[in-house]
PDB file of N, CA and C in Angstrom:
ATOM      1  N   MET A   1     -64.762  25.328 -45.170  1.00  0.00           N
ATOM      2  CA  MET A   1     -65.905  26.123 -45.235  1.00  0.00           C
ATOM      3  C   MET A   1     -66.528  27.819 -45.320  1.00  0.00           C
ATOM      4  N   LEU A   2     -65.006  28.151 -44.629  1.00  0.00           N
ATOM      5  CA  LEU A   2     -65.111  29.847 -45.032  1.00  0.00           C
ATOM      6  C   LEU A   2     -64.909  29.839 -46.071  1.00  0.00           C
ATOM      7  N   ARG A   3     -63.715  29.442 -46.831  1.00  0.00           N
ATOM      8  CA  ARG A   3     -63.741  29.839 -47.854  1.00  0.00           C
ATOM      9  C   ARG A   3     -64.565  28.701 -49.271  1.00  0.00           C
ATOM     10  N   GLN A   4     -66.034  28.288 -49.134  1.00  0.00           N
ATOM     11  CA  GLN A   4     -66.712  27.883 -49.853  1.00  0.00           C
ATOM     12  C   GLN A   4     -68.027  28.461 -50.038  1.00  0.00           C
ATOM     13  N   ARG A   5     -67.741  29.537 -48.235  1.00  0.00           N
ATOM     14  CA  ARG A   5     -68.693  31.032 -48.774  1.00  0.00           C
ATOM     15  C   ARG A   5     -68.048  32.146 -48.887  1.00  0.00           C
ATOM     16  N   GLY A   6     -66.867  31.932 -49.734  1.00  0.00           N
ATOM     17  CA  GLY A   6     -66.333  33.260 -50.363  1.00  0.00           C
ATOM     18  C   GLY A   6     -65.206  34.334 -49.680  1.00  0.00           C
ATOM     19  N   HIS A   7     -65.186  33.532 -48.454  1.00  0.00           N
ATOM     20  CA  HIS A   7     -63.572  34.631 -47.150  1.00  0.00           C
ATOM     21  C   HIS A   7     -62.815  33.623 -47.730  1.00  0.00           C
ATOM     22  N   PRO A   8     -61.671  34.783 -48.057  1.00  0.00           N
ATOM     23  CA  PRO A   8     -60.201  34.968 -48.264  1.00  0.00           C
ATOM     24  C   PRO A   8     -59.330  34.024 -46.847  1.00  0.00           C
ATOM     25  N   CYS A   9     -58.923  32.482 -46.697  1.00  0.00           N
ATOM     26  CA  CYS A   9     -58.240  31.985 -45.165  1.00  0.00           C
ATOM     27  C   CYS A   9     -57.402  32.031 -45.847  1.00  0.00           C
ATOM     28  N   TRP A  10     -55.970  31.870 -44.965  1.00  0.00           N
ATOM     29  CA  TRP A  10     -54.784  31.511 -45.105  1.00  0.00           C
ATOM     30  C   TRP A  10     -54.621  30.545 -43.441  1.00  0.00           C
ATOM     31  N   THR A  11     -54.466  29.079 -43.978  1.00  0.00           N
ATOM     32  CA  THR A  11     -53.308  28.795 -42.850  1.00  0.00           C
ATOM     33  C   THR A  11     -51.823  29.159 -42.067  1.00  0.00           C
ATOM     34  N   ALA A  12     -51.602  29.337 -41.250  1.00  0.00           N
ATOM     35  CA  ALA A  12     -50.828  29.742 -40.058  1.00  0.00           C
ATOM     36  C   ALA A  12     -49.188  29.498 -41.166  1.00  0.00           C
ATOM     37  N   GLY A  13     -49.281  28.409 -41.667  1.00  0.00           N
ATOM     38  CA  GLY A  13     -48.270  27.455 -42.337  1.00  0.00           C
ATOM     39  C   GLY A  13     -48.249  28.337 -43.465  1.00  0.00           C
ATOM     40  N   ALA A  14     -49.640  29.434 -44.332  1.00  0.00           N
ATOM     41  CA  ALA A  14     -49.583  29.947 -45.943  1.00  0.00           C
ATOM     42  C   ALA A  14     -48.787  30.469 -45.511  1.00  0.00           C
ATOM     43  N   ALA A  15     -49.368  31.573 -44.366  1.00  0.00           N
ATOM     44  CA  ALA A  15     -48.925  32.643 -44.397  1.00  0.00           C
ATOM     45  C   ALA A  15     -47.718  33.194 -44.220  1.00  0.00           C
ATOM     46  N   GLY A  16     -46.695  31.856 -44.129  1.00  0.00           N
ATOM     47  CA  GLY A  16     -45.382  31.811 -43.773  1.00  0.00           C
ATOM     48  C   GLY A  16     -45.034  31.877 -42.582  1.00  0.00           C
ATOM     49  N   LEU A  17     -46.352  31.598 -40.634  1.00  0.00           N
ATOM     50  CA  LEU A  17     -45.976  31.679 -39.861  1.00  0.00           C
ATOM     51  C   LEU A  17     -46.690  30.238 -38.589  1.00  0.00           C
ATOM     52  N   ALA A  18     -45.840  29.476 -39.709  1.00  0.00           N
ATOM     53  CA  ALA A  18     -46.052  27.587 -38.914  1.00  0.00           C
ATOM     54  C   ALA A  18     -45.513  28.376 -37.647  1.00  0.00           C
ATOM     55  N   ARG A  19     -44.668  28.440 -37.289  1.00  0.00           N
ATOM     56  CA  ARG A  19     -43.909  28.897 -35.933  1.00  0.00           C
ATOM     57  C   ARG A  19     -44.094  29.624 -34.750  1.00  0.00           C
ATOM     58  N   ALA A  20     -44.541  30.807 -35.790  1.00  0.00           N
ATOM     59  CA  ALA A  20     -44.882  32.285 -34.847  1.00  0.00           C
ATOM     60  C   ALA A  20     -45.769  31.707 -33.378  1.00  0.00           C
ATOM     61  N   ARG A  21     -45.731  33.108 -32.792  1.00  0.00           N
ATOM     62  CA  ARG A  21     -46.026  33.219 -31.019  1.00  0.00           C
ATOM     63  C   ARG A  21     -47.908  33.558 -31.427  1.00  0.00           C
ATOM     64  N   ASP A  22     -48.758  33.381 -30.818  1.00  0.00           N
ATOM     65  CA  ASP A  22     -49.853  33.668 -30.977  1.00  0.00           C
ATOM     66  C   ASP A  22     -49.561  35.120 -31.033  1.00  0.00           C
ATOM     67  N   ASP A  23     -49.682  35.816 -30.242  1.00  0.00           N
ATOM     68  CA  ASP A  23     -49.313  37.228 -30.568  1.00  0.00           C
ATOM     69  C   ASP A  23     -48.985  37.591 -32.252  1.00  0.00           C
ATOM     70  N   GLU A  24     -47.531  37.226 -32.366  1.00  0.00           N
ATOM     71  CA  GLU A  24     -46.925  37.337 -33.519  1.00  0.00           C
ATOM     72  C   GLU A  24     -48.519  37.330 -34.445  1.00  0.00           C
ATOM     73  N   LEU A  25     -49.026  35.834 -34.290  1.00  0.00           N
ATOM     74  CA  LEU A  25     -49.925  35.511 -35.325  1.00  0.00           C
ATOM     75  C   LEU A  25     -50.719  37.543 -35.278  1.00  0.00           C
ATOM     76  N   THR A  26     -51.474  37.636 -34.450  1.00  0.00           N
ATOM     77  CA  THR A  26     -52.829  38.108 -34.029  1.00  0.00           C
ATOM     78  C   THR A  26     -52.015  39.867 -34.527  1.00  0.00           C
ATOM     79  N   VAL A  27     -50.467  40.325 -34.164  1.00  0.00           N
ATOM     80  CA  VAL A  27     -50.214  41.063 -35.236  1.00  0.00           C
ATOM     81  C   VAL A  27     -49.619  41.532 -36.731  1.00  0.00           C
ATOM     82  N   TRP A  28     -49.883  40.388 -36.898  1.00  0.00           N
ATOM     83  CA  TRP A  28     -49.935  40.080 -38.680  1.00  0.00           C
ATOM     84  C   TRP A  28     -51.417  39.601 -38.949  1.00  0.00           C
ATOM     85  N   ALA A  29     -52.255  39.524 -38.338  1.00  0.00           N
ATOM     86  CA  ALA A  29     -53.689  39.072 -39.481  1.00  0.00           C
ATOM     87  C   ALA A  29     -54.114  41.025 -38.829  1.00  0.00           C
ATOM     88  N   ALA A  30     -53.356  41.347 -37.269  1.00  0.00           N
ATOM     89  CA  ALA A  30     -54.598  43.217 -37.648  1.00  0.00           C
ATOM     90  C   ALA A  30     -53.956  43.810 -38.774  1.00  0.00           C
ATOM     91  N   ALA A  31     -52.293  44.116 -38.913  1.00  0.00           N
ATOM     92  CA  ALA A  31     -51.711  44.766 -40.525  1.00  0.00           C
ATOM     93  C   ALA A  31     -52.689  43.946 -41.297  1.00  0.00           C
ATOM     94  N   ARG A  32     -53.360  43.230 -41.465  1.00  0.00           N
ATOM     95  CA  ARG A  32     -54.286  43.216 -42.917  1.00  0.00           C
ATOM     96  C   ARG A  32     -55.360  42.471 -42.567  1.00  0.00           C
ATOM     97  N   GLN A  33     -55.695  43.624 -41.279  1.00  0.00           N
ATOM     98  CA  GLN A  33     -57.225  44.160 -41.796  1.00  0.00           C
ATOM     99  C   GLN A  33     -57.987  42.521 -41.616  1.00  0.00           C
ATOM    100  N   ALA A  34     -57.600  41.472 -40.715  1.00  0.00           N
ATOM    101  CA  ALA A  34     -58.007  40.181 -41.177  1.00  0.00           C
ATOM    102  C   ALA A  34     -58.299  39.599 -39.711  1.00  0.00           C
ATOM    103  N   VAL A  35     -58.924  37.657 -39.367  1.00  0.00           N
ATOM    104  CA  VAL A  35     -59.221  37.889 -38.094  1.00  0.00           C
ATOM    105  C   VAL A  35     -58.980  36.399 -38.110  1.00  0.00           C
ATOM    106  N   VAL A  36     -57.899  36.501 -36.457  1.00  0.00           N
ATOM    107  CA  VAL A  36     -57.717  34.889 -36.845  1.00  0.00           C
ATOM    108  C   VAL A  36     -58.449  34.059 -36.119  1.00  0.00           C
ATOM    109  N   VAL A  37     -58.679  33.051 -36.630  1.00  0.00           N
ATOM    110  CA  VAL A  37     -60.077  31.774 -36.380  1.00  0.00           C
ATOM    111  C   VAL A  37     -59.077  30.875 -35.218  1.00  0.00           C
ATOM    112  N   SER A  38     -59.251  30.678 -34.012  1.00  0.00           N
ATOM    113  CA  SER A  38     -58.747  29.957 -33.521  1.00  0.00           C
ATOM    114  C   SER A  38     -59.497  28.905 -32.115  1.00  0.00           C
ATOM    115  N   THR A  39     -57.971  27.601 -32.047  1.00  0.00           N
ATOM    116  CA  THR A  39     -59.793  26.944 -30.812  1.00  0.00           C
ATOM    117  C   THR A  39     -58.312  26.783 -29.816  1.00  0.00           C
ATOM    118  N   ASP A  40     -57.460  27.411 -30.138  1.00  0.00           N
ATOM    119  CA  ASP A  40     -56.497  26.810 -28.655  1.00  0.00           C
ATOM    120  C   ASP A  40     -57.656  27.777 -27.967  1.00  0.00           C
ATOM    121  N   ASP A  41     -57.363  27.425 -26.346  1.00  0.00           N
ATOM    122  CA  ASP A  41     -58.659  27.878 -25.237  1.00  0.00           C
ATOM    123  C   ASP A  41     -57.306  29.327 -25.086  1.00  0.00           C
ATOM    124  N   GLU A  42     -56.210  29.503 -24.312  1.00  0.00           N
ATOM    125  CA  GLU A  42     -55.192  30.179 -23.724  1.00  0.00           C
ATOM    126  C   GLU A  42     -55.182  30.746 -25.034  1.00  0.00           C
ATOM    127  N   PHE A  43     -54.566  30.524 -25.595  1.00  0.00           N
ATOM    128  CA  PHE A  43     -55.438  32.333 -26.728  1.00  0.00           C
ATOM    129  C   PHE A  43     -56.365  32.970 -26.801  1.00  0.00           C
ATOM    130  N   GLY A  44     -57.400  32.158 -26.781  1.00  0.00           N
ATOM    131  CA  GLY A  44     -58.668  32.996 -26.971  1.00  0.00           C
ATOM    132  C   GLY A  44     -58.850  33.431 -25.174  1.00  0.00           C
ATOM    133  N   LEU A  45     -58.652  33.176 -24.185  1.00  0.00           N
ATOM    134  CA  LEU A  45     -58.529  33.081 -22.894  1.00  0.00           C
ATOM    135  C   LEU A  45     -58.382  34.521 -22.748  1.00  0.00           C
ATOM    136  N   ARG A  46     -57.366  35.225 -23.481  1.00  0.00           N
ATOM    137  CA  ARG A  46     -55.787  36.577 -23.486  1.00  0.00           C
ATOM    138  C   ARG A  46     -56.265  37.030 -24.155  1.00  0.00           C
ATOM    139  N   ARG A  47     -56.897  36.451 -25.899  1.00  0.00           N
ATOM    140  CA  ARG A  47     -57.540  38.033 -26.244  1.00  0.00           C
ATOM    141  C   ARG A  47     -59.274  38.420 -25.799  1.00  0.00           C
ATOM    142  N   MET A  48     -59.915  37.839 -25.277  1.00  0.00           N
ATOM    143  CA  MET A  48     -61.331  37.663 -24.197  1.00  0.00           C
ATOM    144  C   MET A  48     -60.505  38.776 -23.476  1.00  0.00           C
ATOM    145  N   ARG A  49     -59.315  38.739 -22.668  1.00  0.00           N
ATOM    146  CA  ARG A  49     -58.897  39.759 -21.479  1.00  0.00           C
ATOM    147  C   ARG A  49     -58.560  41.314 -22.063  1.00  0.00           C
ATOM    148  N   ASN A  50     -57.836  40.646 -23.571  1.00  0.00           N
ATOM    149  CA  ASN A  50     -57.032  42.080 -24.487  1.00  0.00           C
ATOM    150  C   ASN A  50     -56.576  41.385 -25.535  1.00  0.00           C
ATOM    151  N   ALA A  51     -58.696  42.306 -26.005  1.00  0.00           N
ATOM    152  CA  ALA A  51     -59.054  42.117 -27.549  1.00  0.00           C
ATOM    153  C   ALA A  51     -57.834  43.161 -28.329  1.00  0.00           C
ATOM    154  N   ILE A  52     -56.927  41.748 -29.394  1.00  0.00           N
ATOM    155  CA  ILE A  52     -56.667  43.064 -29.999  1.00  0.00           C
ATOM    156  C   ILE A  52     -56.700  42.697 -31.657  1.00  0.00           C
ATOM    157  N   GLY A  53     -57.467  43.329 -32.187  1.00  0.00           N
ATOM    158  CA  GLY A  53     -57.257  43.017 -33.963  1.00  0.00           C
ATOM    159  C   GLY A  53     -58.648  42.166 -33.393  1.00  0.00           C
ATOM    160  N   GLY A  54     -58.962  41.723 -34.668  1.00  0.00           N
ATOM    161  CA  GLY A  54     -60.050  40.158 -34.732  1.00  0.00           C
ATOM    162  C   GLY A  54     -59.790  39.038 -34.417  1.00  0.00           C
ATOM    163  N   HIS A  55     -60.616  38.524 -33.126  1.00  0.00           N
ATOM    164  CA  HIS A  55     -60.229  37.096 -33.673  1.00  0.00           C
ATOM    165  C   HIS A  55     -61.771  35.765 -32.821  1.00  0.00           C
ATOM    166  N   VAL A  56     -61.348  35.115 -33.436  1.00  0.00           N
ATOM    167  CA  VAL A  56     -63.149  34.208 -33.552  1.00  0.00           C
ATOM    168  C   VAL A  56     -62.129  32.755 -32.388  1.00  0.00           C
ATOM    169  N   TRP A  57     -62.395  33.432 -31.320  1.00  0.00           N
ATOM    170  CA  TRP A  57     -62.499  31.465 -30.639  1.00  0.00           C
ATOM    171  C   TRP A  57     -63.204  30.588 -30.729  1.00  0.00           C
ATOM    172  N   LEU A  58     -63.198  29.568 -30.895  1.00  0.00           N
ATOM    173  CA  LEU A  58     -64.130  28.099 -31.140  1.00  0.00           C
ATOM    174  C   LEU A  58     -64.157  27.301 -30.456  1.00  0.00           C
ATOM    175  N   SER A  59     -64.997  27.663 -28.938  1.00  0.00           N
ATOM    176  CA  SER A  59     -64.415  26.757 -27.994  1.00  0.00           C
ATOM    177  C   SER A  59     -65.323  25.096 -28.268  1.00  0.00           C
ATOM    178  N   GLY A  60     -64.324  24.392 -27.890  1.00  0.00           N
ATOM    179  CA  GLY A  60     -65.650  23.532 -28.158  1.00  0.00           C
ATOM    180  C   GLY A  60     -63.779  22.197 -28.652  1.00  0.00           C
ATOM    181  N   ALA A  61     -64.636  21.497 -29.112  1.00  0.00           N
ATOM    182  CA  ALA A  61     -63.747  19.889 -30.212  1.00  0.00           C
ATOM    183  C   ALA A  61     -63.476  20.502 -31.202  1.00  0.00           C
ATOM    184  N   ASP A  62     -62.277  20.737 -31.321  1.00  0.00           N
ATOM    185  CA  ASP A  62     -61.600  20.925 -32.831  1.00  0.00           C
ATOM    186  C   ASP A  62     -62.026  20.068 -34.024  1.00  0.00           C
ATOM    187  N   TRP A  63     -62.664  19.215 -33.601  1.00  0.00           N
ATOM    188  CA  TRP A  63     -63.091  17.950 -34.862  1.00  0.00           C
ATOM    189  C   TRP A  63     -65.112  19.111 -34.896  1.00  0.00           C
ATOM    190  N   ASP A  64     -65.313  19.290 -34.153  1.00  0.00           N
ATOM    191  CA  ASP A  64     -66.647  20.217 -34.453  1.00  0.00           C
ATOM    192  C   ASP A  64     -66.081  21.772 -34.367  1.00  0.00           C
ATOM    193  N   ALA A  65     -65.566  22.048 -34.256  1.00  0.00           N
ATOM    194  CA  ALA A  65     -65.098  23.640 -35.722  1.00  0.00           C
ATOM    195  C   ALA A  65     -65.729  24.094 -35.986  1.00  0.00           C
ATOM    196  N   SER A  66     -65.883  23.767 -37.167  1.00  0.00           N
ATOM    197  CA  SER A  66     -66.139  24.334 -38.765  1.00  0.00           C
ATOM    198  C   SER A  66     -67.357  24.121 -38.627  1.00  0.00           C
ATOM    199  N   GLU A  67     -68.721  22.826 -37.894  1.00  0.00           N
ATOM    200  CA  GLU A  67     -69.844  22.689 -37.785  1.00  0.00           C
ATOM    201  C   GLU A  67     -70.471  24.462 -37.118  1.00  0.00           C
ATOM    202  N   ILE A  68     -69.170  23.760 -35.601  1.00  0.00           N
ATOM    203  CA  ILE A  68     -70.378  25.382 -34.910  1.00  0.00           C
ATOM    204  C   ILE A  68     -69.890  26.469 -35.572  1.00  0.00           C
ATOM    205  N   LEU A  69     -68.941  27.132 -36.220  1.00  0.00           N
ATOM    206  CA  LEU A  69     -68.719  28.415 -36.978  1.00  0.00           C
ATOM    207  C   LEU A  69     -69.136  28.510 -37.685  1.00  0.00           C
ATOM    208  N   ALA A  70     -69.765  27.613 -39.060  1.00  0.00           N
ATOM    209  CA  ALA A  70     -71.100  27.933 -40.084  1.00  0.00           C
ATOM    210  C   ALA A  70     -72.387  27.586 -39.063  1.00  0.00           C
ATOM    211  N   ASP A  71     -72.883  27.154 -38.152  1.00  0.00           N
ATOM    212  CA  ASP A  71     -74.307  27.424 -37.294  1.00  0.00           C
ATOM    213  C   ASP A  71     -74.232  29.078 -37.441  1.00  0.00           C
ATOM    214  N   HIS A  72     -72.443  29.733 -36.400  1.00  0.00           N
ATOM    215  CA  HIS A  72     -73.357  31.282 -36.312  1.00  0.00           C
ATOM    216  C   HIS A  72     -72.152  32.048 -37.045  1.00  0.00           C
ATOM    217  N   LEU A  73     -72.511  31.458 -37.831  1.00  0.00           N
ATOM    218  CA  LEU A  73     -71.454  32.549 -39.353  1.00  0.00           C
ATOM    219  C   LEU A  73     -72.391  33.357 -39.028  1.00  0.00           C
ATOM    220  N   ASP A  74     -73.608  34.271 -39.535  1.00  0.00           N
ATOM    221  CA  ASP A  74     -73.535  34.513 -39.466  1.00  0.00           C
ATOM    222  C   ASP A  74     -73.463  36.884 -38.139  1.00  0.00           C
ATOM    223  N   GLU A  75     -73.693  35.437 -36.131  1.00  0.00           N
ATOM    224  CA  GLU A  75     -73.944  36.235 -36.046  1.00  0.00           C
ATOM    225  C   GLU A  75     -72.304  36.923 -35.475  1.00  0.00           C
ATOM    226  N   VAL A  76     -71.583  35.611 -36.037  1.00  0.00           N
ATOM    227  CA  VAL A  76     -69.907  35.760 -35.699  1.00  0.00           C
ATOM    228  C   VAL A  76     -69.647  37.292 -36.761  1.00  0.00           C
ATOM    229  N   LEU A  77     -70.102  37.268 -38.023  1.00  0.00           N
ATOM    230  CA  LEU A  77     -70.059  38.575 -38.972  1.00  0.00           C
ATOM    231  C   LEU A  77     -70.668  40.150 -38.375  1.00  0.00           C
ATOM    232  N   VAL A  78     -71.840  39.170 -37.645  1.00  0.00           N
ATOM    233  CA  VAL A  78     -71.983  40.725 -37.967  1.00  0.00           C
ATOM    234  C   VAL A  78     -71.928  41.157 -36.043  1.00  0.00           C
ATOM    235  N   ALA A  79     -70.994  40.193 -35.462  1.00  0.00           N
ATOM    236  CA  ALA A  79     -70.558  40.882 -34.328  1.00  0.00           C
ATOM    237  C   ALA A  79     -69.315  41.210 -34.976  1.00  0.00           C
ATOM    238  N   LEU A  80     -68.461  41.173 -35.236  1.00  0.00           N
ATOM    239  CA  LEU A  80     -66.690  41.951 -35.247  1.00  0.00           C
ATOM    240  C   LEU A  80     -66.671  42.377 -36.820  1.00  0.00           C
ATOM    241  N   ALA A  81     -68.164  42.843 -37.213  1.00  0.00           N
ATOM    242  CA  ALA A  81     -68.435  44.241 -38.041  1.00  0.00           C
ATOM    243  C   ALA A  81     -68.687  45.321 -37.276  1.00  0.00           C
ATOM    244  N   SER A  82     -69.133  45.181 -35.948  1.00  0.00           N
ATOM    245  CA  SER A  82     -69.285  45.478 -34.812  1.00  0.00           C
ATOM    246  C   SER A  82     -68.058  46.880 -34.121  1.00  0.00           C
ATOM    247  N   GLY A  83     -66.899  45.939 -34.276  1.00  0.00           N
ATOM    248  CA  GLY A  83     -65.708  46.680 -33.836  1.00  0.00           C
ATOM    249  C   GLY A  83     -64.550  46.391 -34.361  1.00  0.00           C
ATOM    250  N   THR A  84     -63.690  47.157 -34.518  1.00  0.00           N
ATOM    251  CA  THR A  84     -62.101  46.646 -34.133  1.00  0.00           C
ATOM    252  C   THR A  84     -61.146  46.195 -33.832  1.00  0.00           C
ATOM    253  N   ASP A  85     -60.978  45.855 -32.522  1.00  0.00           N
ATOM    254  CA  ASP A  85     -60.163  45.303 -31.460  1.00  0.00           C
ATOM    255  C   ASP A  85     -61.243  44.047 -30.187  1.00  0.00           C
ATOM    256  N   LEU A  86     -61.963  42.755 -31.409  1.00  0.00           N
ATOM    257  CA  LEU A  86     -63.040  42.514 -31.166  1.00  0.00           C
ATOM    258  C   LEU A  86     -62.950  40.876 -30.819  1.00  0.00           C
ATOM    259  N   THR A  87     -63.356  40.401 -29.782  1.00  0.00           N
ATOM    260  CA  THR A  87     -62.466  38.791 -29.564  1.00  0.00           C
ATOM    261  C   THR A  87     -64.504  38.189 -29.894  1.00  0.00           C
ATOM    262  N   VAL A  88     -64.379  37.302 -30.725  1.00  0.00           N
ATOM    263  CA  VAL A  88     -65.748  36.510 -30.382  1.00  0.00           C
ATOM    264  C   VAL A  88     -65.620  35.422 -30.074  1.00  0.00           C
ATOM    265  N   ARG A  89     -66.692  34.601 -28.958  1.00  0.00           N
ATOM    266  CA  ARG A  89     -66.180  33.778 -28.891  1.00  0.00           C
ATOM    267  C   ARG A  89     -67.493  32.814 -29.488  1.00  0.00           C
ATOM    268  N   VAL A  90     -67.211  31.876 -29.854  1.00  0.00           N
ATOM    269  CA  VAL A  90     -68.346  30.484 -30.350  1.00  0.00           C
ATOM    270  C   VAL A  90     -67.768  29.269 -29.840  1.00  0.00           C
ATOM    271  N   SER A  91     -69.226  28.801 -29.471  1.00  0.00           N
ATOM    272  CA  SER A  91     -69.295  27.607 -28.724  1.00  0.00           C
ATOM    273  C   SER A  91     -71.003  26.768 -28.898  1.00  0.00           C
ATOM    274  N   GLY A  92     -71.078  25.951 -28.613  1.00  0.00           N
ATOM    275  CA  GLY A  92     -72.156  25.047 -29.320  1.00  0.00           C
ATOM    276  C   GLY A  92     -73.245  25.729 -29.237  1.00  0.00           C
ATOM    277  N   SER A  93     -73.129  26.932 -27.628  1.00  0.00           N
ATOM    278  CA  SER A  93     -74.205  27.390 -27.486  1.00  0.00           C
ATOM    279  C   SER A  93     -74.794  28.867 -27.780  1.00  0.00           C
ATOM    280  N   GLY A  94     -73.530  29.040 -28.650  1.00  0.00           N
ATOM    281  CA  GLY A  94     -73.573  31.011 -28.797  1.00  0.00           C
ATOM    282  C   GLY A  94     -72.278  31.519 -29.637  1.00  0.00           C
ATOM    283  N   VAL A  95     -72.569  33.039 -28.960  1.00  0.00           N
ATOM    284  CA  VAL A  95     -71.580  33.620 -29.281  1.00  0.00           C
ATOM    285  C   VAL A  95     -71.304  34.606 -28.344  1.00  0.00           C
ATOM    286  N   GLU A  96     -70.594  35.641 -28.217  1.00  0.00           N
ATOM    287  CA  GLU A  96     -69.936  35.736 -26.659  1.00  0.00           C
ATOM    288  C   GLU A  96     -68.519  37.005 -27.789  1.00  0.00           C
ATOM    289  N   ARG A  97     -69.326  37.643 -27.034  1.00  0.00           N
ATOM    290  CA  ARG A  97     -67.896  38.863 -27.784  1.00  0.00           C
ATOM    291  C   ARG A  97     -67.874  39.730 -26.751  1.00  0.00           C
ATOM    292  N   ALA A  98     -66.350  40.050 -27.068  1.00  0.00           N
ATOM    293  CA  ALA A  98     -65.407  41.076 -25.581  1.00  0.00           C
ATOM    294  C   ALA A  98     -65.093  42.270 -26.758  1.00  0.00           C
ATOM    295  N   ALA A  99     -65.097  43.538 -26.164  1.00  0.00           N
ATOM    296  CA  ALA A  99     -64.415  44.483 -26.905  1.00  0.00           C
ATOM    297  C   ALA A  99     -63.605  45.276 -25.725  1.00  0.00           C
ATOM    298  N   GLU A 100     -62.121  45.651 -26.707  1.00  0.00           N
ATOM    299  CA  GLU A 100     -61.415  46.332 -26.198  1.00  0.00           C
ATOM    300  C   GLU A 100     -62.061  47.424 -25.048  1.00  0.00           C
ATOM    301  N   VAL A 101     -63.074  48.338 -25.738  1.00  0.00           N
ATOM    302  CA  VAL A 101     -63.793  49.781 -24.643  1.00  0.00           C
ATOM    303  C   VAL A 101     -64.318  49.114 -23.934  1.00  0.00           C
ATOM    304  N   LEU A 102     -65.298  47.408 -23.624  1.00  0.00           N
ATOM    305  CA  LEU A 102     -65.793  47.063 -22.491  1.00  0.00           C
ATOM    306  C   LEU A 102     -65.039  46.889 -21.721  1.00  0.00           C
ATOM    307  N   GLN A 103     -63.651  45.338 -22.538  1.00  0.00           N
ATOM    308  CA  GLN A 103     -62.810  44.554 -21.848  1.00  0.00           C
ATOM    309  C   GLN A 103     -63.262  43.342 -20.807  1.00  0.00           C
ATOM    310  N   ALA A 104     -64.868  43.033 -21.786  1.00  0.00           N
ATOM    311  CA  ALA A 104     -65.244  41.804 -20.509  1.00  0.00           C
ATOM    312  C   ALA A 104     -66.863  41.398 -21.849  1.00  0.00           C
ATOM    313  N   ALA A 105     -66.888  40.542 -20.886  1.00  0.00           N
ATOM    314  CA  ALA A 105     -67.629  39.772 -22.450  1.00  0.00           C
ATOM    315  C   ALA A 105     -69.348  39.305 -22.327  1.00  0.00           C
ATOM    316  N   VAL A 106     -69.593  39.883 -23.373  1.00  0.00           N
ATOM    317  CA  VAL A 106     -70.777  40.233 -23.223  1.00  0.00           C
ATOM    318  C   VAL A 106     -71.839  39.503 -24.458  1.00  0.00           C
ATOM    319  N   ASP A 107     -73.259  38.748 -23.560  1.00  0.00           N
ATOM    320  CA  ASP A 107     -73.790  38.793 -25.162  1.00  0.00           C
ATOM    321  C   ASP A 107     -74.801  40.058 -26.392  1.00  0.00           C
ATOM    322  N   LEU A 108     -74.261  39.093 -26.865  1.00  0.00           N
ATOM    323  CA  LEU A 108     -74.803  39.350 -28.082  1.00  0.00           C
ATOM    324  C   LEU A 108     -75.914  41.175 -27.726  1.00  0.00           C
ATOM    325  N   GLY A 109     -76.743  40.663 -27.086  1.00  0.00           N
ATOM    326  CA  GLY A 109     -77.604  41.483 -26.170  1.00  0.00           C
ATOM    327  C   GLY A 109     -77.359  42.794 -25.901  1.00  0.00           C
ATOM    328  N   GLY A 110     -76.485  42.557 -24.911  1.00  0.00           N
ATOM    329  CA  GLY A 110     -74.942  43.253 -24.062  1.00  0.00           C
ATOM    330  C   GLY A 110     -76.255  43.003 -22.767  1.00  0.00           C
ATOM    331  N   ASP A 111     -76.963  42.769 -22.742  1.00  0.00           N
ATOM    332  CA  ASP A 111     -77.450  42.503 -21.101  1.00  0.00           C
ATOM    333  C   ASP A 111     -77.342  42.324 -19.965  1.00  0.00           C
ATOM    334  N   HIS A 112     -75.922  41.226 -20.036  1.00  0.00           N
ATOM    335  CA  HIS A 112     -75.343  41.445 -18.546  1.00  0.00           C
ATOM    336  C   HIS A 112     -74.236  41.240 -19.021  1.00  0.00           C
ATOM    337  N   ALA A 113     -72.902  41.081 -18.024  1.00  0.00           N
ATOM    338  CA  ALA A 113     -71.993  40.662 -18.535  1.00  0.00           C
ATOM    339  C   ALA A 113     -71.829  38.585 -18.268  1.00  0.00           C
ATOM    340  N   VAL A 114     -70.447  38.543 -18.738  1.00  0.00           N
ATOM    341  CA  VAL A 114     -70.530  36.662 -18.731  1.00  0.00           C
ATOM    342  C   VAL A 114     -69.292  36.372 -17.093  1.00  0.00           C
ATOM    343  N   ALA A 115     -70.519  35.082 -16.799  1.00  0.00           N
ATOM    344  CA  ALA A 115     -69.398  35.282 -15.178  1.00  0.00           C
ATOM    345  C   ALA A 115     -67.712  34.589 -15.970  1.00  0.00           C
ATOM    346  N   GLY A 116     -66.781  35.285 -15.100  1.00  0.00           N
ATOM    347  CA  GLY A 116     -65.930  34.780 -15.399  1.00  0.00           C
ATOM    348  C   GLY A 116     -64.482  35.856 -16.059  1.00  0.00           C
ATOM    349  N   ALA A 117     -65.900  37.451 -17.010  1.00  0.00           N
ATOM    350  CA  ALA A 117     -65.423  38.038 -17.628  1.00  0.00           C
ATOM    351  C   ALA A 117     -64.503  39.733 -16.117  1.00  0.00           C
ATOM    352  N   GLU A 118     -63.545  39.097 -16.824  1.00  0.00           N
ATOM    353  CA  GLU A 118     -62.278  40.156 -16.054  1.00  0.00           C
ATOM    354  C   GLU A 118     -62.431  41.904 -16.609  1.00  0.00           C
ATOM    355  N   PRO A 119     -62.256  42.887 -16.037  1.00  0.00           N
ATOM    356  CA  PRO A 119     -62.194  44.039 -15.829  1.00  0.00           C
ATOM    357  C   PRO A 119     -60.657  44.839 -17.500  1.00  0.00           C
ATOM    358  N   ALA A 120     -61.000  45.995 -17.780  1.00  0.00           N
ATOM    359  CA  ALA A 120     -60.057  45.670 -18.167  1.00  0.00           C
ATOM    360  C   ALA A 120     -59.121  46.672 -17.123  1.00  0.00           C
ATOM    361  N   GLY A 121     -57.850  46.970 -17.671  1.00  0.00           N
ATOM    362  CA  GLY A 121     -56.557  46.627 -16.937  1.00  0.00           C
ATOM    363  C   GLY A 121     -55.380  45.687 -16.435  1.00  0.00           C
ATOM    364  N   ASP A 122     -54.415  46.506 -16.466  1.00  0.00           N
ATOM    365  CA  ASP A 122     -52.438  45.118 -15.934  1.00  0.00           C
ATOM    366  C   ASP A 122     -52.659  44.967 -14.700  1.00  0.00           C
ATOM    367  N   GLY A 123     -53.179  45.542 -13.853  1.00  0.00           N
ATOM    368  CA  GLY A 123     -52.126  45.275 -12.096  1.00  0.00           C
ATOM    369  C   GLY A 123     -53.261  47.237 -12.004  1.00  0.00           C
TER     370      GLY A 123
END
């Protein structure tokens, strides 16, 4: 879907990173000003707490991921354009983002924090 819409894409395997750890993928993508797109909940939660580079977390069933992203792609692109260290969570119900500056997930309107968001800092 992303390629059909003109976005260059690589799988971890195509990038030579099939066995790489999540953080290695993050560093590789950030060095290339690329965005990691993942359905991995653990990875997504860690990036929501500590945004590094660009990350799109597709929350939901793997088989729905492409459709969910397609439905919200314009919103995702706008959110990603608003910051460098940014994680965007996309689900059937919409788009949420967490930025390094805020270290909290907020809705696109910025009116309130999302339940479960954590403050900045490691301890």
